[in-house]
């Protein structure tokens, strides 16, 4: 399925299941287009890496968790609750770092990698590797997304006396989030997964099936 078809199907899904969402109003829907497009492109990329013949079982497990994080992101996006969205973006960036950590330290077990604290994942792990030295800027961009989302989550404020009013406003009012920042975060994640993760996973285009080649062309 083409990305534009995925986008149209998604907007129809939102219209059906979140009919009051401000996302589907004619004045707002175009603001989300790149966010949705590049989320689907990233999902297709992760699926390609998952099915690539050289991908290890450990990497498959982490890639699937990362892919499902993007699906959950699309699921909560129409709700306009920045707390949920920032939480999922933090999980996405953390899952990206876990994929990278697994490639740097292949002898570590999958359960050990999944349970790593942020400090051991980043400060005592990725940052001490040659991979970080060679990819300082791009890896730091992913880590910055994690840190920014953590700061947002821990500083969230609730200023409503009536809980129902709060829930109604979340759904029908314009998002409290900066859509420009959200788009920037998604683009950074997409670019990293398209370029750096492809190299880290040692995905060779010559070994791709015809279907995988067509997917890669579709998402680039």
N, C-alpha and C. Protein backbone atom coordinates (compact mmCIF):
# COMPACT_ATOMS: atom_id res chain seq x y z
N UNK A 1 0.85 -1.20 0.00
CA UNK A 1 0.00 0.00 0.00
C UNK A 1 0.88 1.24 0.00
N UNK A 2 0.54 2.23 -0.80
CA UNK A 2 1.31 3.46 -0.86
C UNK A 2 1.08 4.29 0.41
N UNK A 3 2.09 5.11 0.72
CA UNK A 3 2.02 5.92 1.94
C UNK A 3 0.81 6.86 1.89
N UNK A 4 0.51 7.42 0.74
CA UNK A 4 -0.64 8.32 0.63
C UNK A 4 -1.94 7.58 0.94
N UNK A 5 -2.02 6.33 0.52
CA UNK A 5 -3.20 5.52 0.83
C UNK A 5 -3.29 5.23 2.32
N UNK A 6 -2.13 4.99 2.95
CA UNK A 6 -2.10 4.78 4.40
C UNK A 6 -2.59 6.03 5.11
N UNK A 7 -2.14 7.18 4.63
CA UNK A 7 -2.54 8.46 5.23
C UNK A 7 -4.06 8.64 5.13
N UNK A 8 -4.61 8.41 3.95
CA UNK A 8 -6.05 8.59 3.76
C UNK A 8 -6.85 7.60 4.62
N UNK A 9 -6.36 6.38 4.70
CA UNK A 9 -7.04 5.37 5.54
C UNK A 9 -6.98 5.77 7.01
N UNK A 10 -5.85 6.33 7.41
CA UNK A 10 -5.70 6.76 8.81
C UNK A 10 -6.64 7.90 9.14
N UNK A 11 -6.74 8.88 8.26
CA UNK A 11 -7.65 10.01 8.48
C UNK A 11 -9.09 9.52 8.55
N UNK A 12 -9.42 8.55 7.73
CA UNK A 12 -10.76 7.97 7.78
C UNK A 12 -10.98 7.24 9.11
N UNK A 13 -9.96 6.52 9.55
CA UNK A 13 -10.02 5.84 10.85
C UNK A 13 -10.26 6.86 11.98
N UNK A 14 -9.50 7.96 11.96
CA UNK A 14 -9.66 8.99 12.99
C UNK A 14 -11.07 9.58 12.93
N UNK A 15 -11.57 9.84 11.73
CA UNK A 15 -12.92 10.39 11.57
C UNK A 15 -13.98 9.46 12.15
N UNK A 16 -13.75 8.14 11.98
CA UNK A 16 -14.72 7.15 12.47
C UNK A 16 -14.66 6.98 13.98
N UNK A 17 -13.46 6.93 14.53
CA UNK A 17 -13.31 6.56 15.93
C UNK A 17 -13.04 7.74 16.86
N UNK A 18 -12.62 8.88 16.29
CA UNK A 18 -12.39 10.09 17.08
C UNK A 18 -13.08 11.26 16.38
N UNK A 19 -14.37 11.17 16.16
CA UNK A 19 -15.05 12.19 15.33
C UNK A 19 -14.98 13.60 15.90
N UNK A 20 -14.74 13.73 17.19
CA UNK A 20 -14.65 15.06 17.80
C UNK A 20 -13.22 15.59 17.84
N UNK A 21 -12.28 14.81 17.39
CA UNK A 21 -10.89 15.23 17.45
C UNK A 21 -10.66 16.46 16.58
N UNK A 22 -9.89 17.41 17.11
CA UNK A 22 -9.58 18.60 16.33
C UNK A 22 -8.72 18.28 15.13
N UNK A 23 -8.07 17.12 15.15
CA UNK A 23 -7.22 16.73 14.03
C UNK A 23 -7.97 16.67 12.71
N UNK A 24 -9.21 16.21 12.75
CA UNK A 24 -9.94 15.96 11.50
C UNK A 24 -10.71 17.18 11.00
N UNK A 25 -10.59 18.30 11.70
CA UNK A 25 -11.24 19.50 11.18
C UNK A 25 -10.49 19.96 9.93
N UNK A 26 -11.22 20.54 9.00
CA UNK A 26 -10.63 20.93 7.72
C UNK A 26 -9.48 21.91 7.87
N UNK A 27 -9.52 22.70 8.94
CA UNK A 27 -8.46 23.70 9.14
C UNK A 27 -7.21 23.11 9.77
N UNK A 28 -7.30 21.89 10.32
CA UNK A 28 -6.17 21.31 11.04
C UNK A 28 -5.53 20.11 10.38
N UNK A 29 -6.28 19.36 9.60
CA UNK A 29 -5.80 18.05 9.16
C UNK A 29 -4.48 18.15 8.40
N UNK A 30 -4.29 19.21 7.61
CA UNK A 30 -3.05 19.33 6.83
C UNK A 30 -1.84 19.53 7.72
N UNK A 31 -2.05 20.05 8.94
CA UNK A 31 -0.93 20.30 9.84
C UNK A 31 -0.28 18.99 10.31
N UNK A 32 -1.03 17.92 10.26
CA UNK A 32 -0.54 16.63 10.74
C UNK A 32 0.02 15.75 9.61
N UNK A 33 -0.07 16.22 8.38
CA UNK A 33 0.21 15.32 7.25
C UNK A 33 1.63 14.76 7.29
N UNK A 34 2.63 15.60 7.48
CA UNK A 34 4.01 15.09 7.50
C UNK A 34 4.25 14.18 8.69
N UNK A 35 3.66 14.51 9.83
CA UNK A 35 3.82 13.67 11.02
C UNK A 35 3.30 12.26 10.73
N UNK A 36 2.13 12.19 10.12
CA UNK A 36 1.51 10.89 9.82
C UNK A 36 2.27 10.17 8.72
N UNK A 37 2.61 10.89 7.66
CA UNK A 37 3.34 10.30 6.53
C UNK A 37 4.64 9.64 7.00
N UNK A 38 5.43 10.40 7.75
CA UNK A 38 6.74 9.88 8.13
C UNK A 38 6.66 8.84 9.24
N UNK A 39 5.60 8.84 9.98
CA UNK A 39 5.38 7.75 10.94
C UNK A 39 5.13 6.44 10.20
N UNK A 40 4.30 6.49 9.17
CA UNK A 40 4.05 5.29 8.38
C UNK A 40 5.30 4.86 7.62
N UNK A 41 6.05 5.80 7.09
CA UNK A 41 7.29 5.46 6.40
C UNK A 41 8.24 4.72 7.35
N UNK A 42 8.31 5.20 8.59
CA UNK A 42 9.20 4.57 9.57
C UNK A 42 8.71 3.17 9.92
N UNK A 43 7.41 2.99 10.04
CA UNK A 43 6.85 1.66 10.32
C UNK A 43 7.20 0.69 9.20
N UNK A 44 7.08 1.13 7.96
CA UNK A 44 7.44 0.28 6.82
C UNK A 44 8.93 -0.06 6.84
N UNK A 45 9.77 0.91 7.17
CA UNK A 45 11.21 0.66 7.26
C UNK A 45 11.53 -0.39 8.32
N UNK A 46 10.94 -0.23 9.49
CA UNK A 46 11.19 -1.17 10.58
C UNK A 46 10.73 -2.58 10.22
N UNK A 47 9.62 -2.65 9.50
CA UNK A 47 9.13 -3.95 9.05
C UNK A 47 10.11 -4.58 8.05
N UNK A 48 10.68 -3.74 7.19
CA UNK A 48 11.68 -4.22 6.23
C UNK A 48 12.90 -4.77 6.97
N UNK A 49 13.40 -4.01 7.94
CA UNK A 49 14.57 -4.47 8.70
C UNK A 49 14.25 -5.76 9.46
N UNK A 50 13.06 -5.85 9.99
CA UNK A 50 12.65 -7.04 10.74
C UNK A 50 12.72 -8.30 9.87
N UNK A 51 12.27 -8.17 8.62
CA UNK A 51 12.21 -9.32 7.72
C UNK A 51 13.48 -9.52 6.90
N UNK A 52 14.44 -8.62 7.05
CA UNK A 52 15.70 -8.76 6.31
C UNK A 52 16.39 -10.05 6.73
N UNK A 53 16.96 -10.74 5.77
CA UNK A 53 17.51 -12.08 6.03
C UNK A 53 18.65 -12.10 7.05
N UNK A 54 19.38 -10.99 7.19
CA UNK A 54 20.52 -10.97 8.09
C UNK A 54 20.21 -10.48 9.50
N UNK A 55 18.97 -10.12 9.77
CA UNK A 55 18.62 -9.58 11.08
C UNK A 55 18.55 -10.69 12.13
N UNK A 56 19.25 -10.49 13.24
CA UNK A 56 19.29 -11.51 14.29
C UNK A 56 17.95 -11.58 15.04
N UNK A 57 17.75 -12.67 15.75
CA UNK A 57 16.52 -12.85 16.52
C UNK A 57 16.40 -11.77 17.60
N UNK A 58 17.53 -11.42 18.23
CA UNK A 58 17.51 -10.37 19.25
C UNK A 58 17.10 -9.03 18.65
N UNK A 59 17.68 -8.70 17.51
CA UNK A 59 17.33 -7.43 16.85
C UNK A 59 15.87 -7.43 16.42
N UNK A 60 15.38 -8.57 15.96
CA UNK A 60 13.97 -8.67 15.56
C UNK A 60 13.05 -8.31 16.72
N UNK A 61 13.37 -8.83 17.90
CA UNK A 61 12.54 -8.56 19.08
C UNK A 61 12.51 -7.07 19.39
N UNK A 62 13.67 -6.41 19.34
CA UNK A 62 13.74 -4.98 19.65
C UNK A 62 13.11 -4.13 18.55
N UNK A 63 13.28 -4.56 17.30
CA UNK A 63 12.66 -3.84 16.18
C UNK A 63 11.14 -3.91 16.25
N UNK A 64 10.62 -5.06 16.67
CA UNK A 64 9.16 -5.19 16.78
C UNK A 64 8.62 -4.27 17.87
N UNK A 65 9.33 -4.17 18.99
CA UNK A 65 8.90 -3.26 20.05
C UNK A 65 8.92 -1.81 19.56
N UNK A 66 9.94 -1.48 18.79
CA UNK A 66 10.06 -0.13 18.24
C UNK A 66 8.93 0.15 17.25
N UNK A 67 8.66 -0.80 16.40
CA UNK A 67 7.57 -0.64 15.42
C UNK A 67 6.23 -0.43 16.13
N UNK A 68 5.96 -1.23 17.16
CA UNK A 68 4.69 -1.12 17.87
C UNK A 68 4.59 0.19 18.64
N UNK A 69 5.72 0.76 19.02
CA UNK A 69 5.71 2.08 19.66
C UNK A 69 5.22 3.14 18.68
N UNK A 70 5.62 3.03 17.42
CA UNK A 70 5.14 3.97 16.41
C UNK A 70 3.65 3.78 16.13
N UNK A 71 3.19 2.53 16.15
CA UNK A 71 1.76 2.27 15.97
C UNK A 71 0.97 2.88 17.12
N UNK A 72 1.47 2.74 18.34
CA UNK A 72 0.80 3.35 19.50
C UNK A 72 0.81 4.87 19.41
N UNK A 73 1.88 5.41 18.87
CA UNK A 73 1.94 6.87 18.67
C UNK A 73 0.79 7.33 17.77
N UNK A 74 0.57 6.62 16.66
CA UNK A 74 -0.52 6.98 15.75
C UNK A 74 -1.87 6.77 16.42
N UNK A 75 -1.94 5.81 17.33
CA UNK A 75 -3.20 5.52 18.03
C UNK A 75 -3.60 6.67 18.96
N UNK A 76 -2.62 7.25 19.67
CA UNK A 76 -2.95 8.31 20.64
C UNK A 76 -2.90 9.71 20.04
N UNK A 77 -2.32 9.87 18.86
CA UNK A 77 -2.16 11.19 18.27
C UNK A 77 -3.47 11.98 18.19
N UNK A 78 -4.59 11.37 17.77
CA UNK A 78 -5.84 12.16 17.65
C UNK A 78 -6.41 12.63 18.98
N UNK A 79 -5.98 12.04 20.09
CA UNK A 79 -6.52 12.42 21.40
C UNK A 79 -6.01 13.80 21.82
N UNK A 80 -4.87 14.20 21.26
CA UNK A 80 -4.28 15.50 21.55
C UNK A 80 -3.72 15.63 22.96
N UNK A 81 -3.57 14.51 23.65
CA UNK A 81 -3.03 14.57 25.01
C UNK A 81 -1.51 14.55 24.92
N UNK A 82 -0.90 15.70 25.11
CA UNK A 82 0.56 15.80 24.93
C UNK A 82 1.31 14.91 25.91
N UNK A 83 0.70 14.65 27.10
CA UNK A 83 1.38 13.78 28.07
C UNK A 83 1.54 12.37 27.50
N UNK A 84 0.46 11.82 26.94
CA UNK A 84 0.54 10.49 26.33
C UNK A 84 1.51 10.48 25.15
N UNK A 85 1.41 11.51 24.32
CA UNK A 85 2.24 11.56 23.11
C UNK A 85 3.71 11.69 23.47
N UNK A 86 4.02 12.55 24.43
CA UNK A 86 5.41 12.71 24.85
C UNK A 86 5.92 11.42 25.50
N UNK A 87 5.06 10.73 26.23
CA UNK A 87 5.45 9.46 26.85
C UNK A 87 5.82 8.43 25.79
N UNK A 88 5.02 8.36 24.74
CA UNK A 88 5.31 7.38 23.68
C UNK A 88 6.54 7.78 22.89
N UNK A 89 6.73 9.07 22.65
CA UNK A 89 7.94 9.51 21.95
C UNK A 89 9.19 9.20 22.78
N UNK A 90 9.07 9.33 24.08
CA UNK A 90 10.20 8.94 24.94
C UNK A 90 10.47 7.44 24.80
N UNK A 91 9.40 6.64 24.78
CA UNK A 91 9.57 5.19 24.62
C UNK A 91 10.18 4.86 23.26
N UNK A 92 9.76 5.58 22.22
CA UNK A 92 10.32 5.35 20.89
C UNK A 92 11.82 5.63 20.88
N UNK A 93 12.21 6.80 21.40
CA UNK A 93 13.64 7.14 21.39
C UNK A 93 14.44 6.16 22.24
N UNK A 94 13.87 5.72 23.36
CA UNK A 94 14.56 4.74 24.20
C UNK A 94 14.70 3.40 23.47
N UNK A 95 13.66 2.99 22.74
CA UNK A 95 13.72 1.74 21.98
C UNK A 95 14.74 1.82 20.86
N UNK A 96 14.87 3.00 20.24
CA UNK A 96 15.92 3.18 19.22
C UNK A 96 17.29 2.97 19.85
N UNK A 97 17.50 3.55 21.02
CA UNK A 97 18.78 3.40 21.71
C UNK A 97 19.04 1.94 22.08
N UNK A 98 18.00 1.21 22.42
CA UNK A 98 18.18 -0.21 22.77
C UNK A 98 18.59 -1.03 21.53
N UNK A 99 18.04 -0.70 20.38
CA UNK A 99 18.45 -1.38 19.14
C UNK A 99 19.94 -1.12 18.89
N UNK A 100 20.36 0.13 19.06
CA UNK A 100 21.76 0.49 18.85
C UNK A 100 22.66 -0.21 19.88
N UNK A 101 22.23 -0.21 21.14
CA UNK A 101 23.01 -0.86 22.19
C UNK A 101 23.21 -2.34 21.87
N UNK A 102 22.19 -2.98 21.39
CA UNK A 102 22.26 -4.41 21.05
C UNK A 102 23.30 -4.67 19.97
N UNK A 103 23.42 -3.75 19.03
CA UNK A 103 24.40 -3.90 17.94
C UNK A 103 25.82 -3.67 18.46
N UNK A 104 25.97 -2.73 19.40
CA UNK A 104 27.29 -2.43 19.97
C UNK A 104 27.75 -3.55 20.88
N UNK A 105 26.81 -4.10 21.67
CA UNK A 105 27.14 -5.13 22.65
C UNK A 105 26.34 -6.41 22.35
N UNK A 106 26.72 -7.12 21.30
CA UNK A 106 25.93 -8.29 20.86
C UNK A 106 25.92 -9.45 21.84
N UNK A 107 26.86 -9.47 22.80
CA UNK A 107 26.91 -10.57 23.76
C UNK A 107 25.90 -10.41 24.90
N UNK A 108 25.30 -9.22 25.01
CA UNK A 108 24.31 -9.00 26.06
C UNK A 108 23.00 -9.71 25.72
N UNK A 109 22.35 -10.28 26.71
CA UNK A 109 21.08 -10.97 26.49
C UNK A 109 19.94 -10.00 26.26
N UNK A 110 18.91 -10.45 25.58
CA UNK A 110 17.78 -9.58 25.23
C UNK A 110 17.07 -9.06 26.47
N UNK A 111 16.85 -9.90 27.47
CA UNK A 111 16.17 -9.45 28.68
C UNK A 111 17.01 -8.44 29.45
N UNK A 112 18.31 -8.64 29.44
CA UNK A 112 19.21 -7.69 30.11
C UNK A 112 19.13 -6.33 29.42
N UNK A 113 19.11 -6.33 28.10
CA UNK A 113 19.04 -5.07 27.34
C UNK A 113 17.72 -4.36 27.61
N UNK A 114 16.63 -5.11 27.66
CA UNK A 114 15.31 -4.51 27.88
C UNK A 114 15.18 -3.90 29.27
N UNK A 115 15.96 -4.42 30.22
CA UNK A 115 15.85 -3.94 31.61
C UNK A 115 16.89 -2.88 31.96
N UNK A 116 17.75 -2.53 31.02
CA UNK A 116 18.80 -1.55 31.31
C UNK A 116 18.20 -0.22 31.74
N UNK A 117 18.78 0.37 32.77
CA UNK A 117 18.39 1.73 33.15
C UNK A 117 18.90 2.69 32.09
N UNK A 118 18.34 3.89 32.08
CA UNK A 118 18.79 4.89 31.10
C UNK A 118 20.28 5.16 31.24
N UNK A 119 20.77 5.26 32.48
CA UNK A 119 22.19 5.55 32.72
C UNK A 119 23.08 4.48 32.10
N UNK A 120 22.72 3.21 32.31
CA UNK A 120 23.55 2.13 31.77
C UNK A 120 23.38 1.98 30.27
N UNK A 121 22.20 2.34 29.77
CA UNK A 121 21.94 2.27 28.34
C UNK A 121 22.75 3.33 27.59
N UNK A 122 22.70 4.56 28.10
CA UNK A 122 23.31 5.69 27.39
C UNK A 122 24.69 6.06 27.95
N UNK A 123 24.71 6.50 29.20
CA UNK A 123 25.95 7.06 29.76
C UNK A 123 27.05 6.01 29.86
N UNK A 124 26.71 4.83 30.39
CA UNK A 124 27.73 3.79 30.60
C UNK A 124 27.79 2.80 29.45
N UNK A 125 26.93 3.00 28.44
CA UNK A 125 26.89 2.05 27.33
C UNK A 125 27.24 2.69 26.00
N UNK A 126 26.24 3.27 25.35
CA UNK A 126 26.42 3.80 24.00
C UNK A 126 27.50 4.89 23.95
N UNK A 127 27.50 5.80 24.92
CA UNK A 127 28.44 6.93 24.88
C UNK A 127 29.90 6.50 25.00
N UNK A 128 30.14 5.31 25.52
CA UNK A 128 31.53 4.85 25.69
C UNK A 128 32.02 4.05 24.48
N UNK A 129 31.20 3.93 23.45
CA UNK A 129 31.53 3.08 22.32
C UNK A 129 32.13 3.86 21.15
N UNK A 130 32.81 3.14 20.27
CA UNK A 130 33.32 3.74 19.03
C UNK A 130 32.17 4.17 18.13
N UNK A 131 31.06 3.47 18.22
CA UNK A 131 29.89 3.83 17.41
C UNK A 131 29.45 5.24 17.74
N UNK A 132 29.46 5.58 19.03
CA UNK A 132 29.08 6.95 19.42
C UNK A 132 30.09 7.96 18.89
N UNK A 133 31.37 7.64 18.98
CA UNK A 133 32.40 8.56 18.49
C UNK A 133 32.20 8.87 17.02
N UNK A 134 31.76 7.88 16.26
CA UNK A 134 31.60 8.04 14.82
C UNK A 134 30.23 8.61 14.44
N UNK A 135 29.28 8.59 15.37
CA UNK A 135 27.91 9.05 15.08
C UNK A 135 27.40 9.95 16.19
N UNK A 136 28.27 10.80 16.69
CA UNK A 136 27.97 11.63 17.86
C UNK A 136 26.70 12.45 17.67
N UNK A 137 26.60 13.16 16.56
CA UNK A 137 25.49 14.10 16.36
C UNK A 137 24.15 13.38 16.25
N UNK A 138 24.10 12.35 15.41
CA UNK A 138 22.81 11.67 15.18
C UNK A 138 22.34 10.92 16.42
N UNK A 139 23.25 10.26 17.11
CA UNK A 139 22.86 9.56 18.34
C UNK A 139 22.46 10.54 19.43
N UNK A 140 23.16 11.66 19.52
CA UNK A 140 22.80 12.68 20.51
C UNK A 140 21.43 13.27 20.23
N UNK A 141 21.06 13.39 18.96
CA UNK A 141 19.71 13.87 18.60
C UNK A 141 18.64 12.93 19.16
N UNK A 142 18.87 11.64 19.05
CA UNK A 142 17.90 10.66 19.58
C UNK A 142 17.86 10.75 21.10
N UNK A 143 19.02 10.84 21.72
CA UNK A 143 19.06 10.96 23.18
C UNK A 143 18.40 12.25 23.65
N UNK A 144 18.55 13.32 22.89
CA UNK A 144 17.93 14.60 23.27
C UNK A 144 16.41 14.51 23.24
N UNK A 145 15.87 13.75 22.28
CA UNK A 145 14.42 13.55 22.25
C UNK A 145 13.99 12.86 23.54
N UNK A 146 14.72 11.82 23.94
CA UNK A 146 14.39 11.11 25.19
C UNK A 146 14.42 12.08 26.37
N UNK A 147 15.46 12.88 26.49
CA UNK A 147 15.61 13.77 27.64
C UNK A 147 14.54 14.87 27.64
N UNK A 148 14.26 15.42 26.46
CA UNK A 148 13.24 16.47 26.39
C UNK A 148 11.87 15.94 26.78
N UNK A 149 11.55 14.74 26.32
CA UNK A 149 10.24 14.17 26.65
C UNK A 149 10.17 13.84 28.14
N UNK A 150 11.26 13.39 28.71
CA UNK A 150 11.29 13.12 30.15
C UNK A 150 11.03 14.39 30.94
N UNK A 151 11.66 15.49 30.52
CA UNK A 151 11.46 16.77 31.19
C UNK A 151 10.00 17.22 31.10
N UNK A 152 9.40 17.04 29.92
CA UNK A 152 8.00 17.43 29.72
C UNK A 152 7.08 16.61 30.62
N UNK A 153 7.32 15.32 30.67
CA UNK A 153 6.47 14.42 31.46
C UNK A 153 6.55 14.80 32.95
N UNK A 154 7.74 15.09 33.42
CA UNK A 154 7.92 15.36 34.84
C UNK A 154 7.47 16.77 35.24
N UNK A 155 7.27 17.63 34.23
CA UNK A 155 6.87 19.00 34.56
C UNK A 155 5.43 19.30 34.15
N UNK A 156 4.66 18.24 33.77
CA UNK A 156 3.28 18.49 33.31
C UNK A 156 2.43 19.07 34.43
N UNK A 157 1.53 19.95 34.02
CA UNK A 157 0.64 20.62 34.97
C UNK A 157 -0.81 20.37 34.59
N UNK A 158 -1.65 20.28 35.63
CA UNK A 158 -3.09 20.05 35.43
C UNK A 158 -3.82 21.18 36.14
N UNK A 159 -4.52 22.01 35.36
CA UNK A 159 -5.13 23.23 35.93
C UNK A 159 -6.66 23.25 35.83
N UNK A 160 -7.27 22.10 35.80
CA UNK A 160 -8.73 22.03 35.66
C UNK A 160 -9.37 21.59 36.97
N UNK A 161 -10.49 22.20 37.31
CA UNK A 161 -11.26 21.76 38.47
C UNK A 161 -12.25 20.68 38.07
N UNK A 162 -12.69 20.72 36.81
CA UNK A 162 -13.67 19.74 36.34
C UNK A 162 -12.98 18.78 35.37
N UNK A 163 -12.95 17.50 35.74
CA UNK A 163 -12.22 16.51 34.94
C UNK A 163 -12.84 16.31 33.56
N UNK A 164 -14.16 16.38 33.48
CA UNK A 164 -14.84 16.18 32.19
C UNK A 164 -14.49 17.32 31.23
N UNK A 165 -14.47 18.55 31.76
CA UNK A 165 -14.08 19.69 30.92
C UNK A 165 -12.67 19.48 30.35
N UNK A 166 -11.79 18.97 31.19
CA UNK A 166 -10.42 18.72 30.76
C UNK A 166 -10.39 17.72 29.61
N UNK A 167 -11.15 16.63 29.74
CA UNK A 167 -11.15 15.60 28.70
C UNK A 167 -11.78 16.11 27.40
N UNK A 168 -12.82 16.92 27.53
CA UNK A 168 -13.46 17.50 26.34
C UNK A 168 -12.49 18.43 25.63
N UNK A 169 -11.82 19.28 26.39
CA UNK A 169 -10.88 20.23 25.78
C UNK A 169 -9.73 19.51 25.09
N UNK A 170 -9.27 18.42 25.68
CA UNK A 170 -8.20 17.65 25.05
C UNK A 170 -8.60 17.21 23.64
N UNK A 171 -9.84 16.78 23.51
CA UNK A 171 -10.29 16.20 22.25
C UNK A 171 -10.61 17.26 21.21
N UNK A 172 -11.29 18.34 21.60
CA UNK A 172 -11.83 19.24 20.57
C UNK A 172 -11.03 20.52 20.38
N UNK A 173 -10.22 20.90 21.37
CA UNK A 173 -9.45 22.12 21.22
C UNK A 173 -8.18 21.84 20.43
N UNK A 174 -7.60 22.87 19.86
CA UNK A 174 -6.31 22.73 19.19
C UNK A 174 -5.30 22.18 20.17
N UNK A 175 -4.42 21.36 19.65
CA UNK A 175 -3.45 20.68 20.51
C UNK A 175 -2.59 21.66 21.28
N UNK A 176 -2.29 21.29 22.55
CA UNK A 176 -1.37 22.09 23.36
C UNK A 176 0.08 21.89 22.91
N UNK A 177 0.30 20.86 22.11
CA UNK A 177 1.65 20.57 21.65
C UNK A 177 2.08 21.53 20.55
N UNK A 178 3.37 21.64 20.39
CA UNK A 178 3.92 22.32 19.22
C UNK A 178 4.00 21.27 18.11
N UNK A 179 3.14 21.41 17.12
CA UNK A 179 3.16 20.45 16.01
C UNK A 179 4.46 20.56 15.23
N UNK A 180 5.03 21.74 15.21
CA UNK A 180 6.32 21.92 14.53
C UNK A 180 7.40 21.10 15.23
N UNK A 181 7.41 21.11 16.56
CA UNK A 181 8.37 20.32 17.31
C UNK A 181 8.11 18.83 17.14
N UNK A 182 6.84 18.46 17.15
CA UNK A 182 6.47 17.06 16.97
C UNK A 182 6.92 16.56 15.61
N UNK A 183 6.71 17.36 14.58
CA UNK A 183 7.16 16.99 13.23
C UNK A 183 8.68 16.86 13.18
N UNK A 184 9.37 17.78 13.84
CA UNK A 184 10.83 17.72 13.88
C UNK A 184 11.32 16.43 14.56
N UNK A 185 10.68 16.05 15.66
CA UNK A 185 11.05 14.81 16.37
C UNK A 185 10.85 13.59 15.47
N UNK A 186 9.71 13.53 14.82
CA UNK A 186 9.42 12.38 13.94
C UNK A 186 10.40 12.34 12.78
N UNK A 187 10.75 13.50 12.23
CA UNK A 187 11.70 13.54 11.11
C UNK A 187 13.09 13.08 11.56
N UNK A 188 13.52 13.49 12.75
CA UNK A 188 14.83 13.04 13.25
C UNK A 188 14.84 11.52 13.42
N UNK A 189 13.77 10.99 13.97
CA UNK A 189 13.68 9.54 14.16
C UNK A 189 13.67 8.81 12.83
N UNK A 190 12.88 9.30 11.89
CA UNK A 190 12.81 8.69 10.56
C UNK A 190 14.18 8.71 9.88
N UNK A 191 14.86 9.85 9.89
CA UNK A 191 16.16 9.97 9.23
C UNK A 191 17.19 9.03 9.86
N UNK A 192 17.15 8.93 11.18
CA UNK A 192 18.09 8.04 11.86
C UNK A 192 17.82 6.58 11.49
N UNK A 193 16.57 6.20 11.50
CA UNK A 193 16.21 4.81 11.19
C UNK A 193 16.47 4.49 9.72
N UNK A 194 16.27 5.45 8.85
CA UNK A 194 16.52 5.25 7.42
C UNK A 194 18.01 5.11 7.13
N UNK A 195 18.83 5.95 7.72
CA UNK A 195 20.25 5.98 7.36
C UNK A 195 21.13 5.21 8.36
N UNK A 196 21.23 5.71 9.59
CA UNK A 196 22.16 5.10 10.54
C UNK A 196 21.76 3.68 10.93
N UNK A 197 20.48 3.47 11.24
CA UNK A 197 20.08 2.13 11.67
C UNK A 197 20.27 1.10 10.56
N UNK A 198 20.07 1.51 9.34
CA UNK A 198 20.30 0.62 8.20
C UNK A 198 21.76 0.16 8.16
N UNK A 199 22.67 1.09 8.44
CA UNK A 199 24.10 0.75 8.47
C UNK A 199 24.41 -0.12 9.67
N UNK A 200 23.89 0.25 10.85
CA UNK A 200 24.16 -0.51 12.06
C UNK A 200 23.69 -1.95 11.94
N UNK A 201 22.54 -2.14 11.29
CA UNK A 201 21.98 -3.49 11.12
C UNK A 201 22.62 -4.23 9.95
N UNK A 202 23.52 -3.55 9.24
CA UNK A 202 24.24 -4.13 8.12
C UNK A 202 23.27 -4.62 7.03
N UNK A 203 22.30 -3.76 6.72
CA UNK A 203 21.33 -4.09 5.67
C UNK A 203 21.95 -3.74 4.32
N UNK A 204 22.16 -4.74 3.51
CA UNK A 204 22.76 -4.57 2.18
C UNK A 204 21.64 -4.59 1.14
N UNK A 205 21.53 -3.51 0.39
CA UNK A 205 20.45 -3.41 -0.59
C UNK A 205 20.52 -4.51 -1.65
N UNK A 206 21.72 -5.02 -1.90
CA UNK A 206 21.86 -6.10 -2.89
C UNK A 206 21.22 -7.40 -2.42
N UNK A 207 21.00 -7.51 -1.11
CA UNK A 207 20.41 -8.74 -0.55
C UNK A 207 18.89 -8.62 -0.34
N UNK A 208 18.32 -7.46 -0.69
CA UNK A 208 16.90 -7.26 -0.50
C UNK A 208 16.10 -8.00 -1.58
N UNK A 209 14.91 -8.45 -1.20
CA UNK A 209 13.99 -9.02 -2.18
C UNK A 209 13.42 -7.90 -3.04
N UNK A 210 12.79 -8.26 -4.14
CA UNK A 210 12.18 -7.24 -5.00
C UNK A 210 11.12 -6.44 -4.23
N UNK A 211 10.35 -7.13 -3.40
CA UNK A 211 9.33 -6.44 -2.61
C UNK A 211 9.97 -5.46 -1.63
N UNK A 212 11.07 -5.86 -1.00
CA UNK A 212 11.76 -4.99 -0.05
C UNK A 212 12.37 -3.78 -0.76
N UNK A 213 12.89 -4.00 -1.96
CA UNK A 213 13.44 -2.88 -2.75
C UNK A 213 12.34 -1.86 -3.05
N UNK A 214 11.16 -2.36 -3.40
CA UNK A 214 10.04 -1.47 -3.70
C UNK A 214 9.59 -0.69 -2.45
N UNK A 215 9.64 -1.36 -1.30
CA UNK A 215 9.29 -0.68 -0.03
C UNK A 215 10.30 0.43 0.24
N UNK A 216 11.59 0.12 0.07
CA UNK A 216 12.64 1.11 0.33
C UNK A 216 12.47 2.32 -0.59
N UNK A 217 12.12 2.10 -1.83
CA UNK A 217 11.89 3.21 -2.76
C UNK A 217 10.69 4.02 -2.33
N UNK A 218 9.68 3.37 -1.82
CA UNK A 218 8.46 4.05 -1.43
C UNK A 218 8.66 4.98 -0.24
N UNK A 219 9.57 4.60 0.67
CA UNK A 219 9.71 5.37 1.91
C UNK A 219 10.88 6.36 1.87
N UNK A 220 11.58 6.44 0.75
CA UNK A 220 12.71 7.37 0.66
C UNK A 220 12.41 8.47 -0.35
